[in-house]
């Protein structure tokens, strides 16, 4: 049976990098933080589904 994981080029280093960015931007105004994180994630090639999860995590750090 084929291993059918759908990570769409998403690797742990990308996730770690995004979490670091979230922590770095957490003191910024919420709209600036959301824009900066979205642009950074897009540069890393992160899909919309992963952005949803990242946004949820960002909410735990003060919201996006």
N, C-alpha and C. Protein backbone atom coordinates (compact mmCIF):
# COMPACT_ATOMS: atom_id res chain seq x y z
N UNK A 1 0.83 -1.17 0.00
CA UNK A 1 0.00 0.00 0.00
C UNK A 1 0.89 1.25 0.00
N UNK A 2 0.53 2.20 -0.81
CA UNK A 2 1.31 3.43 -0.96
C UNK A 2 1.05 4.37 0.23
N UNK A 3 2.11 4.98 0.73
CA UNK A 3 1.98 5.96 1.79
C UNK A 3 1.40 7.23 1.18
N UNK A 4 0.22 7.64 1.62
CA UNK A 4 -0.50 8.74 0.98
C UNK A 4 -0.56 9.97 1.87
N UNK A 5 0.56 10.50 2.24
CA UNK A 5 0.59 11.73 3.03
C UNK A 5 0.54 12.92 2.09
N UNK A 6 -0.20 13.93 2.48
CA UNK A 6 -0.35 15.12 1.64
C UNK A 6 0.30 16.32 2.33
N UNK A 7 1.62 16.40 2.25
CA UNK A 7 2.32 17.50 2.89
C UNK A 7 2.62 18.64 1.91
N UNK A 8 2.34 18.47 0.63
CA UNK A 8 2.51 19.49 -0.40
C UNK A 8 3.74 20.38 -0.21
N UNK A 9 4.90 19.74 -0.23
CA UNK A 9 6.18 20.44 -0.15
C UNK A 9 6.38 21.15 1.19
N UNK A 10 5.62 20.78 2.18
CA UNK A 10 5.68 21.43 3.49
C UNK A 10 6.57 20.61 4.39
N UNK A 11 7.65 21.18 4.85
CA UNK A 11 8.59 20.43 5.67
C UNK A 11 8.70 21.03 7.06
N UNK A 12 9.23 20.27 7.98
CA UNK A 12 9.39 20.74 9.35
C UNK A 12 10.23 22.02 9.44
N UNK A 13 11.32 22.16 8.68
CA UNK A 13 12.06 23.42 8.75
C UNK A 13 11.20 24.63 8.38
N UNK A 14 10.28 24.47 7.41
CA UNK A 14 9.38 25.57 7.07
C UNK A 14 8.49 25.91 8.25
N UNK A 15 7.93 24.89 8.89
CA UNK A 15 7.06 25.12 10.04
C UNK A 15 7.83 25.81 11.16
N UNK A 16 9.03 25.36 11.42
CA UNK A 16 9.86 25.98 12.46
C UNK A 16 10.13 27.43 12.11
N UNK A 17 10.42 27.69 10.86
CA UNK A 17 10.69 29.04 10.41
C UNK A 17 9.47 29.94 10.59
N UNK A 18 8.29 29.43 10.26
CA UNK A 18 7.06 30.20 10.42
C UNK A 18 6.77 30.47 11.89
N UNK A 19 6.96 29.47 12.73
CA UNK A 19 6.73 29.67 14.16
C UNK A 19 7.67 30.75 14.70
N UNK A 20 8.91 30.73 14.25
CA UNK A 20 9.85 31.77 14.66
C UNK A 20 9.39 33.14 14.18
N UNK A 21 8.86 33.20 12.95
CA UNK A 21 8.34 34.47 12.42
C UNK A 21 7.14 34.94 13.23
N UNK A 22 6.26 34.01 13.59
CA UNK A 22 5.10 34.37 14.41
C UNK A 22 5.54 34.98 15.74
N UNK A 23 6.52 34.36 16.34
CA UNK A 23 7.01 34.87 17.62
C UNK A 23 7.69 36.23 17.45
N UNK A 24 8.41 36.40 16.33
CA UNK A 24 9.08 37.67 16.07
C UNK A 24 8.07 38.79 15.86
N UNK A 25 6.99 38.51 15.10
CA UNK A 25 6.00 39.53 14.74
C UNK A 25 4.89 39.70 15.77
N UNK A 26 4.90 38.95 16.87
CA UNK A 26 3.77 38.98 17.79
C UNK A 26 3.53 40.34 18.44
N UNK A 27 4.54 41.19 18.53
CA UNK A 27 4.35 42.51 19.13
C UNK A 27 3.95 43.57 18.11
N UNK A 28 3.85 43.21 16.83
CA UNK A 28 3.45 44.15 15.80
C UNK A 28 1.93 44.32 15.83
N UNK A 29 1.44 45.42 15.27
CA UNK A 29 0.00 45.64 15.12
C UNK A 29 -0.56 44.48 14.30
N UNK A 30 -1.78 44.04 14.61
CA UNK A 30 -2.31 42.79 14.06
C UNK A 30 -2.35 42.75 12.53
N UNK A 31 -2.71 43.85 11.86
CA UNK A 31 -2.77 43.85 10.40
C UNK A 31 -1.38 43.74 9.79
N UNK A 32 -0.42 44.42 10.39
CA UNK A 32 0.97 44.33 9.93
C UNK A 32 1.49 42.92 10.13
N UNK A 33 1.20 42.33 11.29
CA UNK A 33 1.63 40.97 11.59
C UNK A 33 1.03 39.98 10.59
N UNK A 34 -0.26 40.10 10.33
CA UNK A 34 -0.92 39.19 9.41
C UNK A 34 -0.33 39.29 8.01
N UNK A 35 -0.09 40.51 7.55
CA UNK A 35 0.47 40.72 6.21
C UNK A 35 1.89 40.18 6.13
N UNK A 36 2.70 40.47 7.12
CA UNK A 36 4.09 40.01 7.11
C UNK A 36 4.17 38.49 7.11
N UNK A 37 3.35 37.85 7.93
CA UNK A 37 3.37 36.39 8.01
C UNK A 37 2.86 35.78 6.72
N UNK A 38 1.81 36.35 6.14
CA UNK A 38 1.27 35.82 4.88
C UNK A 38 2.31 35.92 3.76
N UNK A 39 2.99 37.05 3.67
CA UNK A 39 4.02 37.21 2.63
C UNK A 39 5.19 36.25 2.85
N UNK A 40 5.59 36.10 4.09
CA UNK A 40 6.69 35.19 4.41
C UNK A 40 6.31 33.75 4.08
N UNK A 41 5.11 33.35 4.44
CA UNK A 41 4.64 32.00 4.15
C UNK A 41 4.56 31.77 2.64
N UNK A 42 4.08 32.77 1.90
CA UNK A 42 3.99 32.64 0.45
C UNK A 42 5.38 32.45 -0.16
N UNK A 43 6.37 33.15 0.36
CA UNK A 43 7.74 32.98 -0.13
C UNK A 43 8.24 31.56 0.09
N UNK A 44 7.78 30.93 1.18
CA UNK A 44 8.18 29.56 1.47
C UNK A 44 7.36 28.54 0.69
N UNK A 45 6.33 29.00 -0.03
CA UNK A 45 5.50 28.10 -0.81
C UNK A 45 4.49 27.33 0.02
N UNK A 46 4.05 27.91 1.11
CA UNK A 46 3.11 27.23 2.00
C UNK A 46 1.69 27.40 1.46
N UNK A 47 0.95 26.31 1.42
CA UNK A 47 -0.40 26.30 0.85
C UNK A 47 -1.41 26.99 1.77
N UNK A 48 -2.61 27.27 1.22
CA UNK A 48 -3.67 27.91 1.98
C UNK A 48 -4.10 27.09 3.19
N UNK A 49 -4.15 25.77 3.05
CA UNK A 49 -4.53 24.91 4.16
C UNK A 49 -3.54 25.07 5.31
N UNK A 50 -2.27 25.11 4.99
CA UNK A 50 -1.27 25.29 6.03
C UNK A 50 -1.34 26.71 6.60
N UNK A 51 -1.68 27.69 5.76
CA UNK A 51 -1.83 29.05 6.26
C UNK A 51 -2.96 29.13 7.28
N UNK A 52 -4.02 28.34 7.07
CA UNK A 52 -5.13 28.30 8.03
C UNK A 52 -4.63 27.82 9.39
N UNK A 53 -3.84 26.77 9.37
CA UNK A 53 -3.29 26.23 10.62
C UNK A 53 -2.35 27.24 11.27
N UNK A 54 -1.55 27.90 10.46
CA UNK A 54 -0.62 28.91 10.96
C UNK A 54 -1.40 30.08 11.58
N UNK A 55 -2.48 30.49 10.92
CA UNK A 55 -3.29 31.58 11.44
C UNK A 55 -3.90 31.22 12.78
N UNK A 56 -4.31 29.95 12.91
CA UNK A 56 -4.85 29.49 14.19
C UNK A 56 -3.78 29.60 15.27
N UNK A 57 -2.58 29.16 14.96
CA UNK A 57 -1.48 29.26 15.93
C UNK A 57 -1.19 30.72 16.25
N UNK A 58 -1.22 31.57 15.23
CA UNK A 58 -0.98 32.99 15.45
C UNK A 58 -2.04 33.57 16.39
N UNK A 59 -3.26 33.07 16.28
CA UNK A 59 -4.32 33.51 17.19
C UNK A 59 -3.96 33.21 18.63
N UNK A 60 -3.29 32.11 18.85
CA UNK A 60 -2.86 31.76 20.20
C UNK A 60 -1.77 32.71 20.70
N UNK A 61 -1.09 33.35 19.76
CA UNK A 61 -0.03 34.31 20.12
C UNK A 61 -0.53 35.75 20.13
N UNK A 62 -1.83 35.93 20.00
CA UNK A 62 -2.37 37.28 20.02
C UNK A 62 -3.20 37.63 18.81
N UNK A 63 -3.44 36.67 17.95
CA UNK A 63 -4.33 36.87 16.81
C UNK A 63 -3.66 37.38 15.57
N UNK A 64 -4.30 37.06 14.46
CA UNK A 64 -3.86 37.56 13.15
C UNK A 64 -5.04 38.26 12.54
